[in-house]
Amino acid sequence: MLAAGVGPAAAAAGTATALTVAALAGEPYDLAISAGIAGGFAPAAPVGGVVVAERIVAADLGAQDREGGFLPVVELGFGTNAHEVAEELVRTVAHATGAVRGDVLTVATVSYTHL
């Protein structure tokens, strides 16, 4: 298990380092699982529930436009902000865990609701 840090950049850097070290040692990983703490979308995925990502979306990766709107990185021509997960893997893990399937968003800024 690797605790890579808070935020997408720390998670990416830590994961890339661990995968590279393992590969160079001749012991590459067969599977990497990204797990984290997140909010929920009741009732389908309440707080405390388990969700298996069908697609991982960097939801706030982009830029503000002149009108105060948001342009995703894909519209800026700098790559993609979404990564699909293999259907067979999603189906197998969701079945084994009883998890909800759906898009999982990653963001650099958190939000909350007062209850």
N, C-alpha and C. Protein backbone atom coordinates (compact mmCIF):
# COMPACT_ATOMS: atom_id res chain seq x y z
N MET A 1 0.85 -1.17 0.00
CA MET A 1 0.00 0.00 0.00
C MET A 1 0.90 1.23 0.00
N LEU A 2 0.44 2.25 -0.71
CA LEU A 2 1.18 3.50 -0.81
C LEU A 2 0.25 4.66 -0.47
N ALA A 3 0.64 5.47 0.49
CA ALA A 3 -0.07 6.71 0.77
C ALA A 3 0.71 7.80 0.05
N ALA A 4 0.17 8.28 -1.07
CA ALA A 4 0.93 9.18 -1.95
C ALA A 4 0.75 10.65 -1.62
N GLY A 5 -0.22 11.00 -0.79
CA GLY A 5 -0.42 12.40 -0.46
C GLY A 5 -1.77 12.90 -0.89
N VAL A 6 -2.00 14.16 -0.64
CA VAL A 6 -3.29 14.78 -0.92
C VAL A 6 -3.25 15.48 -2.27
N GLY A 7 -4.26 15.25 -3.08
CA GLY A 7 -4.39 15.94 -4.36
C GLY A 7 -3.90 15.12 -5.53
N PRO A 8 -4.39 15.49 -6.72
CA PRO A 8 -4.06 14.72 -7.92
C PRO A 8 -2.57 14.72 -8.27
N ALA A 9 -1.87 15.82 -8.07
CA ALA A 9 -0.45 15.87 -8.43
C ALA A 9 0.37 14.96 -7.52
N ALA A 10 0.13 15.01 -6.23
CA ALA A 10 0.86 14.14 -5.29
C ALA A 10 0.54 12.68 -5.55
N ALA A 11 -0.72 12.37 -5.80
CA ALA A 11 -1.10 10.98 -6.07
C ALA A 11 -0.44 10.48 -7.35
N ALA A 12 -0.43 11.29 -8.39
CA ALA A 12 0.18 10.89 -9.66
C ALA A 12 1.70 10.70 -9.51
N ALA A 13 2.36 11.63 -8.85
CA ALA A 13 3.81 11.54 -8.69
C ALA A 13 4.19 10.34 -7.84
N GLY A 14 3.50 10.13 -6.76
CA GLY A 14 3.80 8.99 -5.88
C GLY A 14 3.55 7.66 -6.57
N THR A 15 2.45 7.58 -7.30
CA THR A 15 2.12 6.35 -8.01
C THR A 15 3.12 6.07 -9.12
N ALA A 16 3.45 7.08 -9.90
CA ALA A 16 4.41 6.91 -10.99
C ALA A 16 5.76 6.44 -10.45
N THR A 17 6.18 7.00 -9.33
CA THR A 17 7.45 6.60 -8.73
C THR A 17 7.41 5.15 -8.28
N ALA A 18 6.34 4.75 -7.59
CA ALA A 18 6.21 3.37 -7.11
C ALA A 18 6.16 2.38 -8.26
N LEU A 19 5.42 2.70 -9.32
CA LEU A 19 5.32 1.80 -10.48
C LEU A 19 6.67 1.67 -11.18
N THR A 20 7.39 2.78 -11.29
CA THR A 20 8.71 2.76 -11.95
C THR A 20 9.71 1.95 -11.14
N VAL A 21 9.76 2.16 -9.85
CA VAL A 21 10.69 1.43 -8.98
C VAL A 21 10.41 -0.07 -9.08
N ALA A 22 9.14 -0.45 -9.03
CA ALA A 22 8.78 -1.87 -9.12
C ALA A 22 9.18 -2.46 -10.46
N ALA A 23 8.93 -1.73 -11.54
CA ALA A 23 9.28 -2.22 -12.87
C ALA A 23 10.78 -2.37 -13.03
N LEU A 24 11.55 -1.39 -12.55
CA LEU A 24 13.00 -1.46 -12.65
C LEU A 24 13.59 -2.59 -11.81
N ALA A 25 12.89 -2.95 -10.74
CA ALA A 25 13.33 -4.06 -9.89
C ALA A 25 12.92 -5.42 -10.48
N GLY A 26 12.22 -5.39 -11.62
CA GLY A 26 11.78 -6.62 -12.25
C GLY A 26 10.54 -7.22 -11.60
N GLU A 27 9.83 -6.43 -10.82
CA GLU A 27 8.61 -6.88 -10.13
C GLU A 27 7.46 -5.92 -10.40
N PRO A 28 7.07 -5.76 -11.67
CA PRO A 28 6.00 -4.81 -11.98
C PRO A 28 4.66 -5.24 -11.39
N TYR A 29 3.85 -4.28 -11.10
CA TYR A 29 2.51 -4.55 -10.57
C TYR A 29 1.60 -5.03 -11.69
N ASP A 30 0.66 -5.92 -11.36
CA ASP A 30 -0.35 -6.36 -12.32
C ASP A 30 -1.56 -5.44 -12.29
N LEU A 31 -1.78 -4.78 -11.15
CA LEU A 31 -2.96 -3.96 -10.97
C LEU A 31 -2.67 -2.88 -9.95
N ALA A 32 -3.16 -1.67 -10.21
CA ALA A 32 -3.08 -0.58 -9.24
C ALA A 32 -4.50 -0.14 -8.93
N ILE A 33 -4.79 0.02 -7.66
CA ILE A 33 -6.12 0.46 -7.23
C ILE A 33 -5.96 1.82 -6.57
N SER A 34 -6.72 2.78 -7.04
CA SER A 34 -6.73 4.11 -6.44
C SER A 34 -7.94 4.20 -5.53
N ALA A 35 -7.70 4.47 -4.26
CA ALA A 35 -8.79 4.59 -3.30
C ALA A 35 -8.64 5.90 -2.56
N GLY A 36 -9.74 6.48 -2.22
CA GLY A 36 -9.66 7.74 -1.51
C GLY A 36 -10.94 8.04 -0.75
N ILE A 37 -10.91 9.17 -0.13
CA ILE A 37 -12.06 9.64 0.63
C ILE A 37 -12.81 10.63 -0.25
N ALA A 38 -14.12 10.47 -0.31
CA ALA A 38 -14.90 11.33 -1.19
C ALA A 38 -16.27 11.59 -0.58
N GLY A 39 -16.99 12.44 -1.22
CA GLY A 39 -18.38 12.68 -0.84
C GLY A 39 -19.26 11.64 -1.49
N GLY A 40 -20.52 11.93 -1.58
CA GLY A 40 -21.44 10.99 -2.18
C GLY A 40 -22.54 11.70 -2.92
N PHE A 41 -23.32 10.92 -3.62
CA PHE A 41 -24.49 11.41 -4.34
C PHE A 41 -25.67 10.55 -3.94
N ALA A 42 -26.33 10.95 -2.86
CA ALA A 42 -27.47 10.19 -2.36
C ALA A 42 -28.63 10.26 -3.36
N PRO A 43 -29.40 9.24 -3.50
CA PRO A 43 -29.32 7.98 -2.76
C PRO A 43 -28.46 6.93 -3.45
N ALA A 44 -28.01 7.15 -4.68
CA ALA A 44 -27.28 6.11 -5.41
C ALA A 44 -25.93 5.78 -4.78
N ALA A 45 -25.21 6.79 -4.34
CA ALA A 45 -23.89 6.59 -3.75
C ALA A 45 -23.78 7.47 -2.51
N PRO A 46 -24.37 7.02 -1.41
CA PRO A 46 -24.34 7.84 -0.20
C PRO A 46 -22.94 7.92 0.39
N VAL A 47 -22.71 8.90 1.26
CA VAL A 47 -21.45 9.01 1.97
C VAL A 47 -21.22 7.69 2.70
N GLY A 48 -20.03 7.13 2.54
CA GLY A 48 -19.70 5.84 3.15
C GLY A 48 -19.88 4.67 2.21
N GLY A 49 -20.49 4.91 1.05
CA GLY A 49 -20.68 3.85 0.07
C GLY A 49 -19.42 3.60 -0.73
N VAL A 50 -19.46 2.55 -1.54
CA VAL A 50 -18.32 2.20 -2.39
C VAL A 50 -18.73 2.38 -3.84
N VAL A 51 -17.88 3.04 -4.60
CA VAL A 51 -18.13 3.28 -6.03
C VAL A 51 -16.93 2.76 -6.82
N VAL A 52 -17.21 2.04 -7.89
CA VAL A 52 -16.17 1.59 -8.81
C VAL A 52 -16.26 2.48 -10.05
N ALA A 53 -15.14 3.08 -10.41
CA ALA A 53 -15.11 4.03 -11.52
C ALA A 53 -15.23 3.33 -12.87
N GLU A 54 -16.18 3.79 -13.67
CA GLU A 54 -16.25 3.42 -15.08
C GLU A 54 -15.41 4.38 -15.90
N ARG A 55 -15.31 5.60 -15.36
CA ARG A 55 -14.55 6.66 -16.00
C ARG A 55 -14.03 7.57 -14.90
N ILE A 56 -12.77 7.97 -14.99
CA ILE A 56 -12.17 8.87 -14.02
C ILE A 56 -12.03 10.22 -14.70
N VAL A 57 -12.61 11.25 -14.08
CA VAL A 57 -12.68 12.57 -14.70
C VAL A 57 -11.98 13.61 -13.82
N ALA A 58 -11.00 14.29 -14.38
CA ALA A 58 -10.37 15.43 -13.70
C ALA A 58 -11.29 16.62 -13.93
N ALA A 59 -12.25 16.79 -13.04
CA ALA A 59 -13.38 17.69 -13.27
C ALA A 59 -13.01 19.17 -13.26
N ASP A 60 -11.94 19.54 -12.59
CA ASP A 60 -11.59 20.96 -12.55
C ASP A 60 -10.27 21.26 -13.25
N LEU A 61 -9.85 20.38 -14.15
CA LEU A 61 -8.63 20.59 -14.90
C LEU A 61 -8.95 21.41 -16.15
N GLY A 62 -8.54 22.67 -16.14
CA GLY A 62 -8.87 23.56 -17.25
C GLY A 62 -8.55 25.00 -16.89
N ALA A 63 -9.33 25.91 -17.45
CA ALA A 63 -9.07 27.34 -17.23
C ALA A 63 -10.38 28.12 -17.22
N GLN A 64 -10.34 29.25 -16.57
CA GLN A 64 -11.48 30.16 -16.57
C GLN A 64 -11.45 30.97 -17.86
N ASP A 65 -12.61 31.14 -18.48
CA ASP A 65 -12.66 31.95 -19.69
C ASP A 65 -12.93 33.41 -19.34
N ARG A 66 -13.00 34.28 -20.33
CA ARG A 66 -13.16 35.72 -20.10
C ARG A 66 -14.47 36.08 -19.45
N GLU A 67 -15.48 35.25 -19.64
CA GLU A 67 -16.80 35.53 -19.06
C GLU A 67 -16.97 34.91 -17.67
N GLY A 68 -15.94 34.29 -17.15
CA GLY A 68 -16.01 33.67 -15.83
C GLY A 68 -16.48 32.22 -15.90
N GLY A 69 -16.65 31.69 -17.10
CA GLY A 69 -17.02 30.29 -17.25
C GLY A 69 -15.79 29.40 -17.17
N PHE A 70 -16.00 28.12 -17.40
CA PHE A 70 -14.92 27.14 -17.28
C PHE A 70 -14.71 26.41 -18.60
N LEU A 71 -13.46 26.28 -19.01
CA LEU A 71 -13.09 25.52 -20.20
C LEU A 71 -12.29 24.30 -19.78
N PRO A 72 -12.81 23.09 -19.99
CA PRO A 72 -12.04 21.89 -19.65
C PRO A 72 -10.77 21.80 -20.50
N VAL A 73 -9.77 21.11 -19.99
CA VAL A 73 -8.48 21.00 -20.66
C VAL A 73 -8.62 20.44 -22.07
N VAL A 74 -9.59 19.57 -22.30
CA VAL A 74 -9.79 19.00 -23.63
C VAL A 74 -10.20 20.09 -24.63
N GLU A 75 -11.01 21.06 -24.19
CA GLU A 75 -11.41 22.16 -25.07
C GLU A 75 -10.27 23.13 -25.33
N LEU A 76 -9.27 23.13 -24.47
CA LEU A 76 -8.10 23.98 -24.65
C LEU A 76 -7.07 23.31 -25.56
N GLY A 77 -7.29 22.05 -25.90
CA GLY A 77 -6.37 21.33 -26.78
C GLY A 77 -5.14 20.77 -26.09
N PHE A 78 -5.21 20.58 -24.77
CA PHE A 78 -4.06 20.10 -24.01
C PHE A 78 -4.17 18.65 -23.58
N GLY A 79 -5.02 17.88 -24.19
CA GLY A 79 -5.14 16.47 -23.81
C GLY A 79 -6.54 16.14 -23.37
N THR A 80 -6.64 15.18 -22.48
CA THR A 80 -7.95 14.72 -22.03
C THR A 80 -8.12 14.93 -20.54
N ASN A 81 -9.35 15.01 -20.13
CA ASN A 81 -9.63 15.12 -18.70
C ASN A 81 -10.41 13.91 -18.20
N ALA A 82 -10.55 12.88 -19.06
CA ALA A 82 -11.29 11.69 -18.67
C ALA A 82 -10.57 10.43 -19.15
N HIS A 83 -10.59 9.41 -18.31
CA HIS A 83 -9.94 8.14 -18.62
C HIS A 83 -10.93 7.00 -18.36
N GLU A 84 -11.16 6.20 -19.38
CA GLU A 84 -12.09 5.06 -19.28
C GLU A 84 -11.40 3.89 -18.58
N VAL A 85 -12.18 3.13 -17.83
CA VAL A 85 -11.68 1.93 -17.17
C VAL A 85 -12.23 0.72 -17.92
N ALA A 86 -11.43 -0.31 -18.06
CA ALA A 86 -11.83 -1.51 -18.81
C ALA A 86 -13.13 -2.09 -18.24
N GLU A 87 -14.11 -2.31 -19.10
CA GLU A 87 -15.44 -2.78 -18.69
C GLU A 87 -15.38 -4.08 -17.89
N GLU A 88 -14.58 -5.02 -18.33
CA GLU A 88 -14.50 -6.31 -17.62
C GLU A 88 -14.00 -6.13 -16.19
N LEU A 89 -13.01 -5.26 -16.01
CA LEU A 89 -12.48 -4.99 -14.68
C LEU A 89 -13.54 -4.31 -13.82
N VAL A 90 -14.23 -3.32 -14.37
CA VAL A 90 -15.29 -2.62 -13.63
C VAL A 90 -16.36 -3.61 -13.19
N ARG A 91 -16.81 -4.43 -14.12
CA ARG A 91 -17.88 -5.40 -13.84
C ARG A 91 -17.44 -6.37 -12.74
N THR A 92 -16.22 -6.89 -12.84
CA THR A 92 -15.73 -7.87 -11.87
C THR A 92 -15.61 -7.27 -10.47
N VAL A 93 -15.00 -6.09 -10.38
CA VAL A 93 -14.80 -5.46 -9.06
C VAL A 93 -16.13 -5.02 -8.46
N ALA A 94 -17.01 -4.44 -9.26
CA ALA A 94 -18.31 -4.00 -8.75
C ALA A 94 -19.12 -5.19 -8.24
N HIS A 95 -19.07 -6.29 -8.96
CA HIS A 95 -19.80 -7.50 -8.53
C HIS A 95 -19.22 -8.05 -7.23
N ALA A 96 -17.90 -8.10 -7.14
CA ALA A 96 -17.24 -8.66 -5.95
C ALA A 96 -17.46 -7.81 -4.71
N THR A 97 -17.60 -6.50 -4.88
CA THR A 97 -17.71 -5.60 -3.72
C THR A 97 -19.13 -5.11 -3.46
N GLY A 98 -20.04 -5.34 -4.42
CA GLY A 98 -21.39 -4.81 -4.27
C GLY A 98 -21.43 -3.30 -4.47
N ALA A 99 -20.44 -2.76 -5.14
CA ALA A 99 -20.31 -1.32 -5.32
C ALA A 99 -21.23 -0.79 -6.42
N VAL A 100 -21.49 0.49 -6.33
CA VAL A 100 -22.18 1.23 -7.39
C VAL A 100 -21.14 1.54 -8.46
N ARG A 101 -21.55 1.51 -9.71
CA ARG A 101 -20.66 1.86 -10.82
C ARG A 101 -21.00 3.26 -11.30
N GLY A 102 -19.99 4.01 -11.74
CA GLY A 102 -20.26 5.32 -12.30
C GLY A 102 -19.00 6.12 -12.50
N ASP A 103 -19.17 7.34 -13.00
CA ASP A 103 -18.04 8.25 -13.15
C ASP A 103 -17.54 8.67 -11.78
N VAL A 104 -16.24 8.76 -11.64
CA VAL A 104 -15.63 9.26 -10.41
C VAL A 104 -14.87 10.52 -10.78
N LEU A 105 -15.14 11.58 -10.05
CA LEU A 105 -14.49 12.86 -10.31
C LEU A 105 -13.33 13.06 -9.35
N THR A 106 -12.26 13.63 -9.85
CA THR A 106 -11.18 14.06 -9.00
C THR A 106 -11.05 15.57 -9.16
N VAL A 107 -10.89 16.25 -8.05
CA VAL A 107 -10.79 17.71 -8.06
C VAL A 107 -9.69 18.15 -7.11
N ALA A 108 -9.16 19.34 -7.34
CA ALA A 108 -8.13 19.89 -6.47
C ALA A 108 -8.73 20.72 -5.34
N THR A 109 -10.00 21.05 -5.44
CA THR A 109 -10.67 21.85 -4.42
C THR A 109 -11.89 21.09 -3.93
N VAL A 110 -12.07 21.05 -2.63
CA VAL A 110 -13.21 20.33 -2.07
C VAL A 110 -14.40 21.27 -1.89
N SER A 111 -15.56 20.69 -1.77
CA SER A 111 -16.76 21.44 -1.45
C SER A 111 -17.53 20.69 -0.39
N TYR A 112 -18.48 21.35 0.24
CA TYR A 112 -19.24 20.68 1.29
C TYR A 112 -20.61 21.35 1.41
N THR A 113 -21.47 20.68 2.14
CA THR A 113 -22.78 21.22 2.44
C THR A 113 -22.98 21.14 3.96
N HIS A 114 -23.38 22.26 4.54
CA HIS A 114 -23.71 22.25 5.97
C HIS A 114 -25.01 21.49 6.15
N LEU A 115 -25.06 20.62 7.10
CA LEU A 115 -26.30 19.88 7.39
C LEU A 115 -26.95 20.42 8.62
